[in-house]
Structures are given as structure tokens and as C-alpha cells.
Protein backbone atom coordinates (compact mmCIF):
# COMPACT_ATOMS: atom_id res chain seq x y z
CA UNK A 1 10.97 -22.01 0.17
CA UNK A 2 9.22 -21.32 -3.02
CA UNK A 3 11.01 -19.40 -6.21
CA UNK A 4 9.79 -16.07 -5.18
CA UNK A 5 12.20 -16.57 -1.89
CA UNK A 6 15.26 -17.90 -4.19
CA UNK A 7 15.08 -15.36 -6.88
CA UNK A 8 14.96 -12.30 -3.62
CA UNK A 9 17.68 -14.36 -1.94
CA UNK A 10 19.79 -14.74 -5.03
CA UNK A 11 19.18 -10.90 -6.06
CA UNK A 12 20.33 -9.69 -2.09
CA UNK A 13 23.27 -11.21 -2.48
CA UNK A 14 24.25 -9.84 -5.72
CA UNK A 15 23.68 -6.30 -4.13
CA UNK A 16 25.14 -7.08 -0.74
CA UNK A 17 28.82 -7.99 -2.11
CA UNK A 18 28.73 -5.20 -4.67
CA UNK A 19 27.72 -2.80 -1.66
CA UNK A 20 24.72 -1.09 -4.49
CA UNK A 21 21.19 -1.21 -4.57
CA UNK A 22 18.58 -2.69 -6.72
CA UNK A 23 16.50 -1.26 -9.27
CA UNK A 24 13.35 0.08 -8.30
CA UNK A 25 10.18 -0.37 -10.94
CA UNK A 26 7.00 1.99 -10.68
CA UNK A 27 3.63 2.02 -11.72
CA UNK A 28 0.92 4.81 -10.68
CA UNK A 29 -2.83 3.88 -12.57
CA UNK A 30 -6.43 4.18 -11.74
CA UNK A 31 -8.09 2.24 -9.41
CA UNK A 32 -11.22 2.08 -6.46
CA UNK A 33 -12.64 5.38 -7.32
CA UNK A 34 -9.01 7.20 -7.77
CA UNK A 35 -5.00 6.23 -8.03
CA UNK A 36 -3.06 3.65 -6.82
CA UNK A 37 1.00 3.22 -7.26
CA UNK A 38 2.64 0.04 -6.77
CA UNK A 39 6.79 0.10 -6.38
CA UNK A 40 8.72 -2.68 -6.10
CA UNK A 41 12.07 -2.93 -5.53
CA UNK A 42 14.10 -5.47 -6.98
CA UNK A 43 11.62 -6.53 -8.98
CA UNK A 44 10.57 -6.72 -12.66
CA UNK A 45 8.21 -4.99 -14.93
CA UNK A 46 6.79 -8.23 -15.57
CA UNK A 47 6.01 -8.76 -11.95
CA UNK A 48 4.71 -5.14 -11.53
CA UNK A 49 2.27 -5.95 -14.13
CA UNK A 50 1.07 -9.21 -12.45
CA UNK A 51 0.59 -7.69 -9.44
CA UNK A 52 -1.83 -4.07 -11.33
CA UNK A 53 -3.49 -7.24 -13.09
CA UNK A 54 -4.58 -8.74 -9.84
CA UNK A 55 -5.75 -5.24 -8.42
CA UNK A 56 -7.88 -4.82 -10.69
CA UNK A 57 -9.44 -8.44 -10.23
CA UNK A 58 -9.80 -7.51 -6.78
CA UNK A 59 -11.75 -4.01 -7.63
CA UNK A 60 -13.76 -6.02 -10.50
CA UNK A 61 -14.85 -8.63 -7.04
CA UNK A 62 -15.49 -5.71 -4.69
CA UNK A 63 -17.18 -2.72 -5.94
CA UNK A 64 -20.46 -1.63 -4.64
CA UNK A 65 -20.74 0.25 -8.66
CA UNK A 66 -20.25 -3.21 -10.94
CA UNK A 67 -23.43 -4.91 -10.86
CA UNK A 68 -21.71 -8.14 -11.41
CA UNK A 69 -19.12 -8.10 -8.42
CA UNK A 70 -19.52 -10.34 -5.80
CA UNK A 71 -20.12 -7.55 -3.35
CA UNK A 72 -22.84 -6.57 -5.02
CA UNK A 73 -24.43 -9.74 -6.18
CA UNK A 74 -23.74 -10.47 -2.42
CA UNK A 75 -25.88 -7.50 -1.50
CA UNK A 76 -28.99 -8.56 -3.68
CA UNK A 77 -28.85 -12.25 -2.45
CA UNK A 78 -31.43 -12.18 -0.48
CA UNK A 79 -30.66 -14.46 2.17
CA UNK A 80 -29.57 -16.83 -0.53
CA UNK A 81 -26.02 -18.56 -0.56
CA UNK A 82 -23.45 -17.61 -3.21
CA UNK A 83 -20.29 -18.75 -4.36
CA UNK A 84 -17.90 -16.00 -4.30
CA UNK A 85 -13.73 -15.63 -5.22
CA UNK A 86 -12.05 -17.03 -2.14
CA UNK A 87 -10.15 -13.24 -1.75
CA UNK A 88 -13.79 -12.07 -1.34
CA UNK A 89 -14.21 -14.83 1.50
CA UNK A 90 -10.97 -13.57 2.81
CA UNK A 91 -12.41 -9.52 2.40
CA UNK A 92 -15.29 -10.43 4.72
CA UNK A 93 -13.44 -12.12 7.57
CA UNK A 94 -11.17 -8.60 7.48
CA UNK A 95 -14.30 -7.25 7.58
CA UNK A 96 -15.29 -9.03 10.92
CA UNK A 97 -12.44 -8.89 12.40
CA UNK A 98 -12.16 -5.12 11.82
CA UNK A 99 -15.69 -4.96 13.75
CA UNK A 100 -14.47 -6.54 16.57
CA UNK A 101 -11.25 -4.78 16.87
CA UNK A 102 -12.62 -1.50 16.69
CA UNK A 103 -15.72 -2.49 19.22
CA UNK A 104 -17.75 -1.74 16.60
CA UNK A 105 -17.08 1.68 15.69
CA UNK A 106 -16.06 0.30 12.41
CA UNK A 107 -18.97 -1.40 10.80
CA UNK A 108 -19.26 -2.55 7.28
CA UNK A 109 -23.20 -2.47 6.79
CA UNK A 110 -23.62 0.55 7.15
CA UNK A 111 -24.04 1.08 3.30
CA UNK A 112 -27.80 2.34 3.21
CA UNK A 113 -26.54 4.72 5.70
CA UNK A 114 -23.77 5.69 3.24
CA UNK A 115 -26.55 6.27 0.48
CA UNK A 116 -28.50 8.54 2.41
CA UNK A 117 -25.81 10.51 2.96
CA UNK A 118 -25.43 11.21 -1.02
CA UNK A 119 -22.88 8.91 -1.82
CA UNK A 120 -24.39 6.84 -4.17
CA UNK A 121 -22.91 7.01 -7.84
CA UNK A 122 -19.10 6.55 -7.83
CA UNK A 123 -16.82 9.65 -8.03
CA UNK A 124 -15.45 8.78 -11.35
CA UNK A 125 -18.28 7.78 -13.39
CA UNK A 126 -21.85 9.23 -12.33
CA UNK A 127 -23.33 6.74 -14.43
CA UNK A 128 -22.05 3.68 -12.15
CA UNK A 129 -25.20 4.03 -8.82
CA UNK A 130 -25.35 1.78 -5.94
CA UNK A 131 -28.74 0.32 -5.82
CA UNK A 132 -29.67 -2.05 -2.70
CA UNK A 133 -33.06 -4.29 -2.49
CA UNK A 134 -35.53 -3.14 -0.08
CA UNK A 135 -35.19 -5.34 2.96
CA UNK A 136 -31.79 -3.21 3.51
CA UNK A 137 -31.26 -2.12 6.70
CA UNK A 138 -28.71 -0.33 8.72
CA UNK A 139 -26.78 -1.67 10.94
CA UNK A 140 -27.38 -5.63 9.33
CA UNK A 141 -26.56 -8.89 11.06
CA UNK A 142 -22.79 -8.86 11.01
CA UNK A 143 -22.41 -12.00 13.17
CA UNK A 144 -25.36 -13.61 10.93
CA UNK A 145 -22.73 -13.76 8.08
CA UNK A 146 -21.97 -17.37 7.27
CA UNK A 147 -19.21 -18.85 5.81
CA UNK A 148 -18.39 -22.43 3.94
CA UNK A 149 -15.56 -22.67 1.76
CA UNK A 150 -16.21 -20.41 -1.02
CA UNK A 151 -19.99 -19.94 -0.44
CA UNK A 152 -21.02 -17.05 1.47
CA UNK A 153 -24.43 -16.41 2.99
CA UNK A 154 -25.61 -12.65 3.87
CA UNK A 155 -28.78 -12.77 6.24
CA UNK A 156 -31.84 -11.07 4.64
CA UNK A 157 -31.63 -7.31 5.06
CA UNK A 158 -27.48 -7.07 5.21
CA UNK A 159 -25.46 -5.72 2.92
CA UNK A 160 -21.83 -4.80 2.54
CA UNK A 161 -19.58 -2.09 1.60
CA UNK A 162 -15.82 -2.62 1.20
CA UNK A 163 -15.19 1.03 1.56
CA UNK A 164 -11.67 1.64 2.92
CA UNK A 165 -10.56 -1.96 4.23
CA UNK A 166 -10.91 -2.60 0.42
CA UNK A 167 -8.02 -0.51 -0.31
CA UNK A 168 -6.36 -1.67 3.03
CA UNK A 169 -6.81 -5.69 2.51
CA UNK A 170 -5.58 -5.18 -1.89
CA UNK A 171 -2.44 -3.42 -0.18
CA UNK A 172 -2.08 -5.87 2.30
CA UNK A 173 -2.79 -8.42 -0.65
CA UNK A 174 -0.21 -6.98 -3.28
CA UNK A 175 2.38 -6.20 -0.33
CA UNK A 176 2.08 -10.30 0.23
CA UNK A 177 2.18 -11.30 -3.35
CA UNK A 178 5.53 -9.16 -4.70
CA UNK A 179 7.50 -10.72 -1.87
CA UNK A 180 6.40 -14.06 -2.98
CA UNK A 181 7.10 -13.24 -6.41
CA UNK A 182 10.45 -12.15 -6.12
CA UNK A 183 10.54 -8.60 -5.16
CA UNK A 184 13.21 -7.45 -2.50
CA UNK A 185 11.09 -4.77 -1.00
CA UNK A 186 6.96 -3.08 -1.87
CA UNK A 187 4.88 0.30 -1.36
CA UNK A 188 1.17 -0.71 -2.42
CA UNK A 189 -0.45 2.23 -2.20
CA UNK A 190 -4.44 2.71 -3.12
CA UNK A 191 -6.37 5.64 -2.37
CA UNK A 192 -3.87 6.78 0.54
CA UNK A 193 -3.92 3.32 2.03
CA UNK A 194 -0.34 2.31 2.12
CA UNK A 195 1.44 -0.84 3.04
CA UNK A 196 5.22 -1.28 2.89
CA UNK A 197 7.51 -4.46 3.25
CA UNK A 198 10.76 -5.71 3.02
CA UNK A 199 13.79 -3.30 1.61
CA UNK A 200 13.22 0.33 1.15
CA UNK A 201 14.67 1.75 -1.79
CA UNK A 202 17.49 4.05 0.41
CA UNK A 203 18.17 0.46 1.88
CA UNK A 204 17.41 2.24 5.34
CA UNK A 205 13.27 2.50 6.00
CA UNK A 206 10.43 3.36 3.69
CA UNK A 207 9.96 7.38 3.93
CA UNK A 208 6.66 8.50 3.55
CA UNK A 209 4.65 11.87 3.68
CA UNK A 210 1.30 12.70 5.17
CA UNK A 211 -0.90 15.13 3.06
CA UNK A 212 -1.80 18.48 4.76
CA UNK A 213 -5.71 18.70 4.55
CA UNK A 214 -5.70 22.37 4.24
CA UNK A 215 -2.49 22.56 2.06
CA UNK A 216 -2.63 19.28 -0.03
CA UNK A 217 0.61 20.12 -2.06
CA UNK A 218 2.42 20.12 1.38
CA UNK A 219 2.92 17.60 3.86
CA UNK A 220 1.66 17.60 7.14
CA UNK A 221 3.79 15.21 8.62
CA UNK A 222 6.65 12.73 7.22
CA UNK A 223 7.24 8.89 8.70
CA UNK A 224 9.95 6.06 8.26
CA UNK A 225 8.01 2.51 8.30
CA UNK A 226 10.12 -0.26 8.04
CA UNK A 227 6.83 -2.23 7.55
CA UNK A 228 3.30 -2.37 8.24
CA UNK A 229 0.49 -0.18 6.97
CA UNK A 230 -0.30 3.50 7.41
CA UNK A 231 -3.95 5.03 6.50
CA UNK A 232 -5.34 8.44 6.14
CA UNK A 233 -8.74 8.96 6.72
CA UNK A 234 -10.38 12.55 6.22
CA UNK A 235 -13.59 13.86 6.79
CA UNK A 236 -12.43 16.94 4.03
CA UNK A 237 -13.35 14.51 0.86
CA UNK A 238 -16.36 12.95 -0.59
CA UNK A 239 -18.50 15.60 1.35
CA UNK A 240 -22.47 15.83 -0.29
CA UNK A 241 -24.56 18.73 0.03
CA UNK A 242 -23.56 22.51 0.40
CA UNK A 243 -23.07 25.04 3.01
CA UNK A 244 -23.88 24.47 6.29
CA UNK A 245 -26.15 21.07 5.36
CA UNK A 246 -23.34 19.10 4.14
CA UNK A 247 -22.32 15.44 5.15
CA UNK A 248 -19.36 12.98 4.50
CA UNK A 249 -18.95 9.06 4.24
CA UNK A 250 -17.57 8.80 7.44
CA UNK A 251 -21.08 6.98 9.17
CA UNK A 252 -21.08 7.14 13.08
CA UNK A 253 -22.06 3.82 13.93
CA UNK A 254 -24.18 5.12 16.65
CA UNK A 255 -26.45 7.90 15.32
CA UNK A 256 -26.63 6.40 11.21
CA UNK A 257 -25.25 9.44 9.81
CA UNK A 258 -21.69 12.08 9.49
CA UNK A 259 -19.54 11.89 12.27
CA UNK A 260 -19.67 15.23 13.81
CA UNK A 261 -16.24 15.72 14.80
CA UNK A 262 -13.15 18.94 15.13
CA UNK A 263 -11.08 16.18 13.81
CA UNK A 264 -10.37 16.31 9.73
CA UNK A 265 -8.42 13.66 9.18
CA UNK A 266 -7.10 10.71 10.89
CA UNK A 267 -3.90 9.30 10.42
CA UNK A 268 -3.34 5.54 11.34
CA UNK A 269 0.04 3.43 11.50
CA UNK A 270 -0.95 -0.48 12.16
CA UNK A 271 0.58 -3.91 11.63
CA UNK A 272 -1.59 -4.35 8.65
CA UNK A 273 -3.33 -2.10 5.99
CA UNK A 274 -6.78 -3.34 6.71
CA UNK A 275 -6.46 -3.20 10.28
CA UNK A 276 -4.82 0.39 10.25
CA UNK A 277 -7.85 1.42 7.71
CA UNK A 278 -10.57 0.44 10.40
CA UNK A 279 -8.68 1.58 13.74
CA UNK A 280 -8.95 5.17 11.96
CA UNK A 281 -12.89 5.12 12.53
CA UNK A 282 -12.90 5.80 16.39
CA UNK A 283 -10.73 8.96 15.58
CA UNK A 284 -14.00 11.06 14.64
CA UNK A 285 -16.47 9.62 17.08
CA UNK A 286 -14.13 9.46 20.02
CA UNK A 287 -12.70 12.42 22.86
CA UNK A 288 -9.45 12.81 20.66
CA UNK A 289 -7.63 12.30 24.06
CA UNK A 290 -9.38 8.70 24.72
CA UNK A 291 -8.45 7.60 21.19
CA UNK A 292 -4.55 8.52 21.28
CA UNK A 293 -4.34 6.56 24.83
CA UNK A 294 -6.36 3.72 23.17
CA UNK A 295 -3.97 3.20 20.05
CA UNK A 296 -1.28 1.76 21.15
CA UNK A 297 -3.36 -0.72 23.36
CA UNK A 298 -4.07 -2.16 20.24
CA UNK A 299 -0.69 -2.52 18.88
CA UNK A 300 -0.94 1.29 16.62
CA UNK A 301 -0.17 4.75 16.66
CA UNK A 302 -2.06 7.89 15.51
CA UNK A 303 -1.99 11.40 14.15
CA UNK A 304 -4.67 13.73 14.28
CA UNK A 305 -5.24 17.12 12.76
CA UNK A 306 -8.13 19.35 14.26
CA UNK A 307 -10.07 21.97 11.96
CA UNK A 308 -7.90 24.66 13.32
CA UNK A 309 -4.50 23.27 12.29
CA UNK A 310 -3.56 21.63 16.14
CA UNK A 311 -2.13 18.25 15.52
CA UNK A 312 -2.31 15.87 18.47
CA UNK A 313 -0.38 12.56 18.50
CA UNK A 314 -0.32 9.28 20.66
CA UNK A 315 2.73 8.86 22.76
CA UNK A 316 4.21 6.21 20.15
CA UNK A 317 4.03 8.45 17.44
CA UNK A 318 7.68 9.72 17.59
CA UNK A 319 8.77 6.18 17.03
CA UNK A 320 8.37 6.78 13.42
CA UNK A 321 9.49 10.26 12.99
């Protein structure tokens, strides 16, 4: 048993004996082109600071807008082996697992397509622009990526876009680190990708509101989750162009252009943030009824909102209401 578990168990014993709940520590900060929040139940300000430091380190490793990041160096490696951080190796493994789980609908090698859609510059700093070598193609050769220890080799022409999975994977990582560091419970949220685990502030379950895409200040639904990830993807955000010619960053892997769908937002609940993230993609390309029937077969639940405001859910969604 590590020191974090000992600390957490000792804390639990105190609060159970006094029939009270531990304090909550929370901090919101800028990260990954938006904002994130880490909330700890029974943690400490020092642990919260450590977790934010690690989160920002990961952004430095994975951002495609930073020339010195692991991802940017790999994208420009032209087939040469590169030593990267162990966390980057884990992220790439999560990308490959996500592609398999989604049966290819999620494809992290479509970065050239994303740039063509107009998403080359950072949404928070237009001076930060993603560039790729002339060899870059979409799709790339995801299966051809070779990892040995901390050395990764991308086939020539293959580039990676951490995109959403970077946020979901980071939320998973921070939640694990928080509990290992002695927190009783944790909620890690980065750009709307949420992972919860351990004791909730009310001692029962984490209560999470899902944003209404038509009225952002209101909730389209509220769920209660004991542990796991919940991710919402939207085609209403990160749009480029004007009028009827607008495009968005959610790429259909079969057409290499913005997914065409009446579905405006897709929310998925799954065991992890990374898993929930990759499972949202099929919601914009599959028939909604087929998609919602498929999600429970891979251990997930889904909630869709169409352009007319209609809400559709998988059969197991009511479990979380």
C-alpha cells in the first residue's frame, strides 16, 4: 500500500467516525485551448498544485501548436526514431486502442484534413500555427507506428493529432494521480472532458450538468456518476468559414471532410475519459438509432441532440439520471 492510500484511508476513518464530509479543493485554469478544473475531495492545496503542474507538463508534451512538443517533433520526424516522454508513449497507445474500439471512425492520423478544414491556428493564440512536412498524408499508417521503450518511430507521411483524446487521457491520468496522492475523491475536467472517481462532495455520487448547445447557460440534462468519464463533442464549436460553406473540426474518416449530420452534440459515458472521447465520433457519422444501440455493446451510454432540439438516448442512459 502506498503513502497516498494510507493517507486516504486514515482520512476516511476520521470522517466516518465524525459523520462528516472532508473539505473540497478546486482550481480552474487555462489549458489545451480552453479551461480546465481539478476538484479534490479530501485532498490538499499542495496536491492540487502538483496535479496542475503535471497537467501543464502534458500540454507541453502533446500540443501540436508547440514546435518543441513530443507530438510536433514526431510529426516532423520523417520516419526517424525519436525518444519521447513515457506519457507520450501511453497517449499513442490510447490512440491506437481508440481506433480499434471505434472500428476506424476515430482516426488520429487525419491531421492534414483538419488543417484543410481551417483549424491550423490555435483558437486562443493565432500566432501559434500547426505546420506539417510535405510528406504528410491522411490517413496515415497508424498500425505502422513502432514503439520500443520510450523511442517511437512514425512511418513517413504519418502525423498525429492528440485532439480530444489528449483531454480525455489527461483527465484519466490526473484522476489516477489524485487518488494515489491521497485525495478521497476527484473530478478532472479539461475542455469539457470529465473524469470522476472516489468520494463525491455530497458523499453519494458526482452530479454533472450537460450543456445545452442552443442555450449554453442551461443544462440539457443532469447525470449522476460514481466513477468514469463523460465527454461531449459538438459540431457547433470550432467552425470555420462563413454562411453555408462553414466547416468544423470533426472529420469523417471515410470522406476526409467535416462530418455531415443533423446531430449537433454527442455525449458518451464510459469507463474512462479517453474511451468516452473516441466513442463520440461515430455519433456524427452513423445512423443515430444504430449508434445508440451499439454503444451499450462496448460498455457505454449515449445522449444525442439534433438540430431541431430533439434528444435521443441509448437504452441504458436512464441508469445515470
